[in-house]
Amino acid sequence: MPAKKRPAKPKVLVYSTDYCPWCIKAKEFLHENKITFTSINVGTSTKAAQEMIKKSGQQGVPVIDARGAIIVGFDERAVRKALGMKPKKFKLW
């Protein structure tokens, strides 16, 4: 009997810099939700910065590539949607 294949983990890239507060929040969100990701520091790599700009058309960070969906800034709702996660329920009071 063939072995069952595990579902592929989402491929997520986070283009960021070391001291960007929104970059830190984005990575914390991914860690808390056990999402495997690769962090790419555009502050130390011109090649990575050019790649990010080519993908997003933006120079600001973070830029999140979530399975091909390009999200500029940390937008939790957009990240959840791109990764097929359930929307977060917010309390009004």
PDB file of N, CA and C in Angstrom:
ATOM      1  N   MET A   1       0.846  -1.168   0.000  1.00  0.00           N
ATOM      2  CA  MET A   1       0.000   0.000   0.000  1.00  0.00           C
ATOM      3  C   MET A   1       0.900   1.243   0.000  1.00  0.00           C
ATOM      4  N   PRO A   2       0.624   2.235  -0.894  1.00  0.00           N
ATOM      5  CA  PRO A   2       1.471   3.425  -0.952  1.00  0.00           C
ATOM      6  C   PRO A   2       1.355   4.258   0.325  1.00  0.00           C
ATOM      7  N   ALA A   3       2.465   4.871   0.686  1.00  0.00           N
ATOM      8  CA  ALA A   3       2.478   5.728   1.875  1.00  0.00           C
ATOM      9  C   ALA A   3       1.639   6.974   1.613  1.00  0.00           C
ATOM     10  N   LYS A   4       0.942   7.418   2.659  1.00  0.00           N
ATOM     11  CA  LYS A   4       0.135   8.631   2.530  1.00  0.00           C
ATOM     12  C   LYS A   4       1.061   9.844   2.508  1.00  0.00           C
ATOM     13  N   LYS A   5       0.751  10.745   1.618  1.00  0.00           N
ATOM     14  CA  LYS A   5       1.527  11.970   1.561  1.00  0.00           C
ATOM     15  C   LYS A   5       0.959  12.973   2.550  1.00  0.00           C
ATOM     16  N   ARG A   6       1.852  13.616   3.250  1.00  0.00           N
ATOM     17  CA  ARG A   6       1.424  14.677   4.161  1.00  0.00           C
ATOM     18  C   ARG A   6       1.104  15.916   3.335  1.00  0.00           C
ATOM     19  N   PRO A   7       0.108  16.686   3.760  1.00  0.00           N
ATOM     20  CA  PRO A   7      -0.165  17.923   3.036  1.00  0.00           C
ATOM     21  C   PRO A   7       1.047  18.845   3.112  1.00  0.00           C
ATOM     22  N   ALA A   8       1.350  19.505   2.015  1.00  0.00           N
ATOM     23  CA  ALA A   8       2.496  20.411   1.987  1.00  0.00           C
ATOM     24  C   ALA A   8       2.244  21.584   2.916  1.00  0.00           C
ATOM     25  N   LYS A   9       3.283  21.947   3.652  1.00  0.00           N
ATOM     26  CA  LYS A   9       3.168  23.118   4.513  1.00  0.00           C
ATOM     27  C   LYS A   9       3.174  24.350   3.628  1.00  0.00           C
ATOM     28  N   PRO A  10       2.461  25.375   4.037  1.00  0.00           N
ATOM     29  CA  PRO A  10       2.423  26.585   3.223  1.00  0.00           C
ATOM     30  C   PRO A  10       3.812  27.177   3.045  1.00  0.00           C
ATOM     31  N   LYS A  11       4.104  27.607   1.833  1.00  0.00           N
ATOM     32  CA  LYS A  11       5.374  28.261   1.572  1.00  0.00           C
ATOM     33  C   LYS A  11       5.184  29.750   1.830  1.00  0.00           C
ATOM     34  N   VAL A  12       5.871  30.247   2.839  1.00  0.00           N
ATOM     35  CA  VAL A  12       5.730  31.644   3.231  1.00  0.00           C
ATOM     36  C   VAL A  12       7.110  32.278   3.315  1.00  0.00           C
ATOM     37  N   LEU A  13       7.246  33.434   2.661  1.00  0.00           N
ATOM     38  CA  LEU A  13       8.468  34.223   2.752  1.00  0.00           C
ATOM     39  C   LEU A  13       8.106  35.550   3.400  1.00  0.00           C
ATOM     40  N   VAL A  14       8.947  36.007   4.320  1.00  0.00           N
ATOM     41  CA  VAL A  14       8.732  37.307   4.954  1.00  0.00           C
ATOM     42  C   VAL A  14       9.956  38.163   4.666  1.00  0.00           C
ATOM     43  N   TYR A  15       9.774  39.172   3.816  1.00  0.00           N
ATOM     44  CA  TYR A  15      10.838  40.126   3.542  1.00  0.00           C
ATOM     45  C   TYR A  15      10.758  41.180   4.633  1.00  0.00           C
ATOM     46  N   SER A  16      11.869  41.377   5.355  1.00  0.00           N
ATOM     47  CA  SER A  16      11.820  42.237   6.526  1.00  0.00           C
ATOM     48  C   SER A  16      13.181  42.857   6.806  1.00  0.00           C
ATOM     49  N   THR A  17      13.206  43.692   7.843  1.00  0.00           N
ATOM     50  CA  THR A  17      14.449  44.213   8.397  1.00  0.00           C
ATOM     51  C   THR A  17      14.445  43.863   9.883  1.00  0.00           C
ATOM     52  N   ASP A  18      15.615  44.005  10.506  1.00  0.00           N
ATOM     53  CA  ASP A  18      15.750  43.590  11.907  1.00  0.00           C
ATOM     54  C   ASP A  18      14.897  44.380  12.894  1.00  0.00           C
ATOM     55  N   TYR A  19      14.717  45.677  12.659  1.00  0.00           N
ATOM     56  CA  TYR A  19      14.089  46.510  13.679  1.00  0.00           C
ATOM     57  C   TYR A  19      12.724  47.051  13.295  1.00  0.00           C
ATOM     58  N   CYS A  20      12.140  46.528  12.263  1.00  0.00           N
ATOM     59  CA  CYS A  20      10.806  46.957  11.833  1.00  0.00           C
ATOM     60  C   CYS A  20       9.760  46.335  12.768  1.00  0.00           C
ATOM     61  N   PRO A  21       8.983  47.162  13.495  1.00  0.00           N
ATOM     62  CA  PRO A  21       8.016  46.597  14.440  1.00  0.00           C
ATOM     63  C   PRO A  21       6.932  45.752  13.769  1.00  0.00           C
ATOM     64  N   TRP A  22       6.497  46.116  12.559  1.00  0.00           N
ATOM     65  CA  TRP A  22       5.463  45.332  11.881  1.00  0.00           C
ATOM     66  C   TRP A  22       6.033  44.015  11.364  1.00  0.00           C
ATOM     67  N   CYS A  23       7.313  44.020  11.027  1.00  0.00           N
ATOM     68  CA  CYS A  23       7.973  42.772  10.628  1.00  0.00           C
ATOM     69  C   CYS A  23       7.999  41.803  11.811  1.00  0.00           C
ATOM     70  N   ILE A  24       8.331  42.331  12.968  1.00  0.00           N
ATOM     71  CA  ILE A  24       8.380  41.516  14.181  1.00  0.00           C
ATOM     72  C   ILE A  24       6.990  40.956  14.487  1.00  0.00           C
ATOM     73  N   LYS A  25       5.950  41.792  14.383  1.00  0.00           N
ATOM     74  CA  LYS A  25       4.578  41.325  14.629  1.00  0.00           C
ATOM     75  C   LYS A  25       4.175  40.231  13.635  1.00  0.00           C
ATOM     76  N   ALA A  26       4.542  40.403  12.380  1.00  0.00           N
ATOM     77  CA  ALA A  26       4.196  39.404  11.361  1.00  0.00           C
ATOM     78  C   ALA A  26       4.846  38.067  11.689  1.00  0.00           C
ATOM     79  N   LYS A  27       6.121  38.095  12.044  1.00  0.00           N
ATOM     80  CA  LYS A  27       6.835  36.844  12.362  1.00  0.00           C
ATOM     81  C   LYS A  27       6.304  36.213  13.654  1.00  0.00           C
ATOM     82  N   GLU A  28       5.958  37.043  14.634  1.00  0.00           N
ATOM     83  CA  GLU A  28       5.367  36.508  15.870  1.00  0.00           C
ATOM     84  C   GLU A  28       4.043  35.810  15.565  1.00  0.00           C
ATOM     85  N   PHE A  29       3.220  36.423  14.718  1.00  0.00           N
ATOM     86  CA  PHE A  29       1.946  35.821  14.324  1.00  0.00           C
ATOM     87  C   PHE A  29       2.184  34.450  13.672  1.00  0.00           C
ATOM     88  N   LEU A  30       3.128  34.371  12.770  1.00  0.00           N
ATOM     89  CA  LEU A  30       3.415  33.101  12.089  1.00  0.00           C
ATOM     90  C   LEU A  30       3.923  32.061  13.087  1.00  0.00           C
ATOM     91  N   HIS A  31       4.838  32.466  13.991  1.00  0.00           N
ATOM     92  CA  HIS A  31       5.336  31.540  15.026  1.00  0.00           C
ATOM     93  C   HIS A  31       4.188  31.032  15.899  1.00  0.00           C
ATOM     94  N   GLU A  32       3.348  31.949  16.380  1.00  0.00           N
ATOM     95  CA  GLU A  32       2.239  31.584  17.276  1.00  0.00           C
ATOM     96  C   GLU A  32       1.272  30.605  16.605  1.00  0.00           C
ATOM     97  N   ASN A  33       1.137  30.704  15.294  1.00  0.00           N
ATOM     98  CA  ASN A  33       0.218  29.837  14.559  1.00  0.00           C
ATOM     99  C   ASN A  33       0.923  28.657  13.901  1.00  0.00           C
ATOM    100  N   LYS A  34       2.188  28.444  14.296  1.00  0.00           N
ATOM    101  CA  LYS A  34       2.975  27.297  13.833  1.00  0.00           C
ATOM    102  C   LYS A  34       3.052  27.218  12.306  1.00  0.00           C
ATOM    103  N   ILE A  35       3.198  28.393  11.681  1.00  0.00           N
ATOM    104  CA  ILE A  35       3.356  28.479  10.238  1.00  0.00           C
ATOM    105  C   ILE A  35       4.853  28.542   9.945  1.00  0.00           C
ATOM    106  N   THR A  36       5.337  27.595   9.170  1.00  0.00           N
ATOM    107  CA  THR A  36       6.739  27.588   8.779  1.00  0.00           C
ATOM    108  C   THR A  36       6.961  28.688   7.751  1.00  0.00           C
ATOM    109  N   PHE A  37       8.014  29.489   7.960  1.00  0.00           N
ATOM    110  CA  PHE A  37       8.303  30.562   7.024  1.00  0.00           C
ATOM    111  C   PHE A  37       9.802  30.789   6.929  1.00  0.00           C
ATOM    112  N   THR A  38      10.177  31.478   5.872  1.00  0.00           N
ATOM    113  CA  THR A  38      11.566  31.870   5.694  1.00  0.00           C
ATOM    114  C   THR A  38      11.619  33.381   5.804  1.00  0.00           C
ATOM    115  N   SER A  39      12.485  33.878   6.674  1.00  0.00           N
ATOM    116  CA  SER A  39      12.666  35.308   6.857  1.00  0.00           C
ATOM    117  C   SER A  39      13.835  35.762   5.988  1.00  0.00           C
ATOM    118  N   ILE A  40      13.606  36.798   5.190  1.00  0.00           N
ATOM    119  CA  ILE A  40      14.630  37.317   4.297  1.00  0.00           C
ATOM    120  C   ILE A  40      14.898  38.767   4.683  1.00  0.00           C
ATOM    121  N   ASN A  41      16.129  39.039   5.118  1.00  0.00           N
ATOM    122  CA  ASN A  41      16.495  40.370   5.594  1.00  0.00           C
ATOM    123  C   ASN A  41      16.914  41.239   4.409  1.00  0.00           C
ATOM    124  N   VAL A  42      16.049  42.171   4.034  1.00  0.00           N
ATOM    125  CA  VAL A  42      16.351  43.048   2.905  1.00  0.00           C
ATOM    126  C   VAL A  42      17.273  44.202   3.302  1.00  0.00           C
ATOM    127  N   GLY A  43      17.524  44.339   4.603  1.00  0.00           N
ATOM    128  CA  GLY A  43      18.448  45.366   5.078  1.00  0.00           C
ATOM    129  C   GLY A  43      19.893  44.987   4.872  1.00  0.00           C
ATOM    130  N   THR A  44      20.146  43.714   4.675  1.00  0.00           N
ATOM    131  CA  THR A  44      21.529  43.244   4.517  1.00  0.00           C
ATOM    132  C   THR A  44      21.792  42.643   3.138  1.00  0.00           C
ATOM    133  N   SER A  45      20.783  42.594   2.285  1.00  0.00           N
ATOM    134  CA  SER A  45      20.948  41.976   0.969  1.00  0.00           C
ATOM    135  C   SER A  45      20.265  42.807  -0.117  1.00  0.00           C
ATOM    136  N   THR A  46      21.073  43.417  -0.959  1.00  0.00           N
ATOM    137  CA  THR A  46      20.529  44.201  -2.072  1.00  0.00           C
ATOM    138  C   THR A  46      19.750  43.303  -3.013  1.00  0.00           C
ATOM    139  N   LYS A  47      20.245  42.096  -3.231  1.00  0.00           N
ATOM    140  CA  LYS A  47      19.564  41.149  -4.129  1.00  0.00           C
ATOM    141  C   LYS A  47      18.163  40.820  -3.591  1.00  0.00           C
ATOM    142  N   ALA A  48      18.068  40.572  -2.280  1.00  0.00           N
ATOM    143  CA  ALA A  48      16.769  40.269  -1.666  1.00  0.00           C
ATOM    144  C   ALA A  48      15.839  41.474  -1.748  1.00  0.00           C
ATOM    145  N   ALA A  49      16.377  42.679  -1.539  1.00  0.00           N
ATOM    146  CA  ALA A  49      15.560  43.890  -1.624  1.00  0.00           C
ATOM    147  C   ALA A  49      15.014  44.062  -3.036  1.00  0.00           C
ATOM    148  N   GLN A  50      15.838  43.820  -4.046  1.00  0.00           N
ATOM    149  CA  GLN A  50      15.388  43.925  -5.431  1.00  0.00           C
ATOM    150  C   GLN A  50      14.317  42.882  -5.746  1.00  0.00           C
ATOM    151  N   GLU A  51      14.484  41.679  -5.211  1.00  0.00           N
ATOM    152  CA  GLU A  51      13.488  40.609  -5.396  1.00  0.00           C
ATOM    153  C   GLU A  51      12.152  41.020  -4.786  1.00  0.00           C
ATOM    154  N   MET A  52      12.205  41.607  -3.572  1.00  0.00           N
ATOM    155  CA  MET A  52      10.992  42.049  -2.888  1.00  0.00           C
ATOM    156  C   MET A  52      10.290  43.143  -3.695  1.00  0.00           C
ATOM    157  N   ILE A  53      11.055  44.107  -4.185  1.00  0.00           N
ATOM    158  CA  ILE A  53      10.475  45.211  -4.954  1.00  0.00           C
ATOM    159  C   ILE A  53       9.867  44.693  -6.249  1.00  0.00           C
ATOM    160  N   LYS A  54      10.524  43.739  -6.883  1.00  0.00           N
ATOM    161  CA  LYS A  54       9.994  43.159  -8.118  1.00  0.00           C
ATOM    162  C   LYS A  54       8.653  42.464  -7.859  1.00  0.00           C
ATOM    163  N   LYS A  55       8.556  41.752  -6.737  1.00  0.00           N
ATOM    164  CA  LYS A  55       7.317  41.042  -6.398  1.00  0.00           C
ATOM    165  C   LYS A  55       6.185  41.983  -6.003  1.00  0.00           C
ATOM    166  N   SER A  56       6.513  43.011  -5.215  1.00  0.00           N
ATOM    167  CA  SER A  56       5.467  43.832  -4.601  1.00  0.00           C
ATOM    168  C   SER A  56       5.296  45.217  -5.204  1.00  0.00           C
ATOM    169  N   GLY A  57       6.334  45.704  -5.868  1.00  0.00           N
ATOM    170  CA  GLY A  57       6.291  47.071  -6.350  1.00  0.00           C
ATOM    171  C   GLY A  57       6.495  48.089  -5.232  1.00  0.00           C
ATOM    172  N   GLN A  58       6.868  47.608  -4.057  1.00  0.00           N
ATOM    173  CA  GLN A  58       7.026  48.454  -2.879  1.00  0.00           C
ATOM    174  C   GLN A  58       8.421  48.315  -2.282  1.00  0.00           C
ATOM    175  N   GLN A  59       8.854  49.369  -1.582  1.00  0.00           N
ATOM    176  CA  GLN A  59      10.128  49.311  -0.870  1.00  0.00           C
ATOM    177  C   GLN A  59       9.942  49.125   0.629  1.00  0.00           C
ATOM    178  N   GLY A  60       8.715  49.306   1.120  1.00  0.00           N
ATOM    179  CA  GLY A  60       8.452  49.183   2.552  1.00  0.00           C
ATOM    180  C   GLY A  60       8.350  47.731   2.978  1.00  0.00           C
ATOM    181  N   VAL A  61       8.640  47.497   4.237  1.00  0.00           N
ATOM    182  CA  VAL A  61       8.552  46.153   4.811  1.00  0.00           C
ATOM    183  C   VAL A  61       7.522  46.148   5.928  1.00  0.00           C
ATOM    184  N   PRO A  62       6.981  45.010   6.292  1.00  0.00           N
ATOM    185  CA  PRO A  62       7.230  43.708   5.687  1.00  0.00           C
ATOM    186  C   PRO A  62       6.460  43.515   4.385  1.00  0.00           C
ATOM    187  N   VAL A  63       6.992  42.637   3.573  1.00  0.00           N
ATOM    188  CA  VAL A  63       6.271  42.112   2.427  1.00  0.00           C
ATOM    189  C   VAL A  63       6.200  40.612   2.666  1.00  0.00           C
ATOM    190  N   ILE A  64       4.999  40.081   2.643  1.00  0.00           N
ATOM    191  CA  ILE A  64       4.788  38.657   2.913  1.00  0.00           C
ATOM    192  C   ILE A  64       4.319  37.984   1.631  1.00  0.00           C
ATOM    193  N   ASP A  65       5.047  36.952   1.242  1.00  0.00           N
ATOM    194  CA  ASP A  65       4.661  36.132   0.093  1.00  0.00           C
ATOM    195  C   ASP A  65       4.087  34.851   0.679  1.00  0.00           C
ATOM    196  N   ALA A  66       2.768  34.776   0.716  1.00  0.00           N
ATOM    197  CA  ALA A  66       2.070  33.635   1.312  1.00  0.00           C
ATOM    198  C   ALA A  66       1.480  32.794   0.187  1.00  0.00           C
ATOM    199  N   ARG A  67       2.203  31.759  -0.197  1.00  0.00           N
ATOM    200  CA  ARG A  67       1.796  30.874  -1.291  1.00  0.00           C
ATOM    201  C   ARG A  67       1.494  31.658  -2.565  1.00  0.00           C
ATOM    202  N   GLY A  68       2.303  32.665  -2.845  1.00  0.00           N
ATOM    203  CA  GLY A  68       2.124  33.445  -4.065  1.00  0.00           C
ATOM    204  C   GLY A  68       1.283  34.695  -3.902  1.00  0.00           C
ATOM    205  N   ALA A  69       0.550  34.812  -2.797  1.00  0.00           N
ATOM    206  CA  ALA A  69      -0.214  36.035  -2.520  1.00  0.00           C
ATOM    207  C   ALA A  69       0.749  37.039  -1.885  1.00  0.00           C
ATOM    208  N   ILE A  70       0.903  38.193  -2.506  1.00  0.00           N
ATOM    209  CA  ILE A  70       1.826  39.206  -2.002  1.00  0.00           C
ATOM    210  C   ILE A  70       1.051  40.182  -1.124  1.00  0.00           C
ATOM    211  N   ILE A  71       1.488  40.278   0.140  1.00  0.00           N
ATOM    212  CA  ILE A  71       0.826  41.130   1.120  1.00  0.00           C
ATOM    213  C   ILE A  71       1.846  42.159   1.596  1.00  0.00           C
ATOM    214  N   VAL A  72       1.533  43.424   1.370  1.00  0.00           N
ATOM    215  CA  VAL A  72       2.421  44.507   1.774  1.00  0.00           C
ATOM    216  C   VAL A  72       1.973  44.994   3.147  1.00  0.00           C
ATOM    217  N   GLY A  73       2.899  44.991   4.096  1.00  0.00           N
ATOM    218  CA  GLY A  73       2.562  45.327   5.471  1.00  0.00           C
ATOM    219  C   GLY A  73       2.036  44.080   6.174  1.00  0.00           C
ATOM    220  N   PHE A  74       1.770  44.208   7.463  1.00  0.00           N
ATOM    221  CA  PHE A  74       1.216  43.063   8.182  1.00  0.00           C
ATOM    222  C   PHE A  74      -0.283  43.231   8.278  1.00  0.00           C
ATOM    223  N   ASP A  75      -0.991  42.462   7.474  1.00  0.00           N
ATOM    224  CA  ASP A  75      -2.448  42.459   7.439  1.00  0.00           C
ATOM    225  C   ASP A  75      -2.885  41.042   7.826  1.00  0.00           C
ATOM    226  N   GLU A  76      -3.198  40.869   9.114  1.00  0.00           N
ATOM    227  CA  GLU A  76      -3.516  39.531   9.626  1.00  0.00           C
ATOM    228  C   GLU A  76      -4.643  38.873   8.839  1.00  0.00           C
ATOM    229  N   ARG A  77      -5.669  39.623   8.522  1.00  0.00           N
ATOM    230  CA  ARG A  77      -6.814  39.063   7.788  1.00  0.00           C
ATOM    231  C   ARG A  77      -6.367  38.538   6.415  1.00  0.00           C
ATOM    232  N   ALA A  78      -5.530  39.298   5.714  1.00  0.00           N
ATOM    233  CA  ALA A  78      -5.054  38.880   4.393  1.00  0.00           C
ATOM    234  C   ALA A  78      -4.145  37.652   4.495  1.00  0.00           C
ATOM    235  N   VAL A  79      -3.314  37.597   5.531  1.00  0.00           N
ATOM    236  CA  VAL A  79      -2.437  36.441   5.726  1.00  0.00           C
ATOM    237  C   VAL A  79      -3.276  35.201   6.009  1.00  0.00           C
ATOM    238  N   ARG A  80      -4.248  35.323   6.902  1.00  0.00           N
ATOM    239  CA  ARG A  80      -5.128  34.191   7.214  1.00  0.00           C
ATOM    240  C   ARG A  80      -5.829  33.681   5.951  1.00  0.00           C
ATOM    241  N   LYS A  81      -6.331  34.603   5.145  1.00  0.00           N
ATOM    242  CA  LYS A  81      -7.032  34.220   3.924  1.00  0.00           C
ATOM    243  C   LYS A  81      -6.087  33.511   2.946  1.00  0.00           C
ATOM    244  N   ALA A  82      -4.899  34.069   2.753  1.00  0.00           N
ATOM    245  CA  ALA A  82      -3.934  33.492   1.813  1.00  0.00           C
ATOM    246  C   ALA A  82      -3.493  32.093   2.223  1.00  0.00           C
ATOM    247  N   LEU A  83      -3.473  31.843   3.535  1.00  0.00           N
ATOM    248  CA  LEU A  83      -3.016  30.538   4.037  1.00  0.00           C
ATOM    249  C   LEU A  83      -4.168  29.578   4.329  1.00  0.00           C
ATOM    250  N   GLY A  84      -5.385  29.997   4.035  1.00  0.00           N
ATOM    251  CA  GLY A  84      -6.541  29.124   4.257  1.00  0.00           C
ATOM    252  C   GLY A  84      -6.866  28.918   5.722  1.00  0.00           C
ATOM    253  N   MET A  85      -6.514  29.894   6.559  1.00  0.00           N
ATOM    254  CA  MET A  85      -6.798  29.816   7.991  1.00  0.00           C
ATOM    255  C   MET A  85      -8.190  30.368   8.264  1.00  0.00           C
ATOM    256  N   LYS A  86      -8.762  29.954   9.367  1.00  0.00           N
ATOM    257  CA  LYS A  86     -10.061  30.489   9.766  1.00  0.00           C
ATOM    258  C   LYS A  86      -9.898  31.949  10.165  1.00  0.00           C
ATOM    259  N   PRO A  87     -10.889  32.771   9.830  1.00  0.00           N
ATOM    260  CA  PRO A  87     -10.822  34.172  10.255  1.00  0.00           C
ATOM    261  C   PRO A  87     -10.853  34.263  11.774  1.00  0.00           C
ATOM    262  N   LYS A  88     -10.166  35.242  12.312  1.00  0.00           N
ATOM    263  CA  LYS A  88     -10.154  35.456  13.755  1.00  0.00           C
ATOM    264  C   LYS A  88     -11.438  36.163  14.142  1.00  0.00           C
ATOM    265  N   LYS A  89     -12.064  35.685  15.201  1.00  0.00           N
ATOM    266  CA  LYS A  89     -13.270  36.335  15.704  1.00  0.00           C
ATOM    267  C   LYS A  89     -12.849  37.388  16.722  1.00  0.00           C
ATOM    268  N   PHE A  90     -13.296  38.592  16.469  1.00  0.00           N
ATOM    269  CA  PHE A  90     -12.962  39.697  17.368  1.00  0.00           C
ATOM    270  C   PHE A  90     -14.148  40.001  18.270  1.00  0.00           C
ATOM    271  N   LYS A  91     -13.852  40.299  19.528  1.00  0.00           N
ATOM    272  CA  LYS A  91     -14.888  40.686  20.464  1.00  0.00           C
ATOM    273  C   LYS A  91     -15.120  42.188  20.311  1.00  0.00           C
ATOM    274  N   LEU A  92     -16.381  42.570  20.312  1.00  0.00           N
ATOM    275  CA  LEU A  92     -16.694  43.989  20.202  1.00  0.00           C
ATOM    276  C   LEU A  92     -16.586  44.695  21.532  1.00  0.00           C
ATOM    277  N   TRP A  93     -16.797  44.015  22.621  1.00  0.00           N
ATOM    278  CA  TRP A  93     -16.736  44.653  23.934  1.00  0.00           C
ATOM    279  C   TRP A  93     -15.843  43.909  24.846  1.00  0.00           C
TER     280      TRP A  93
END
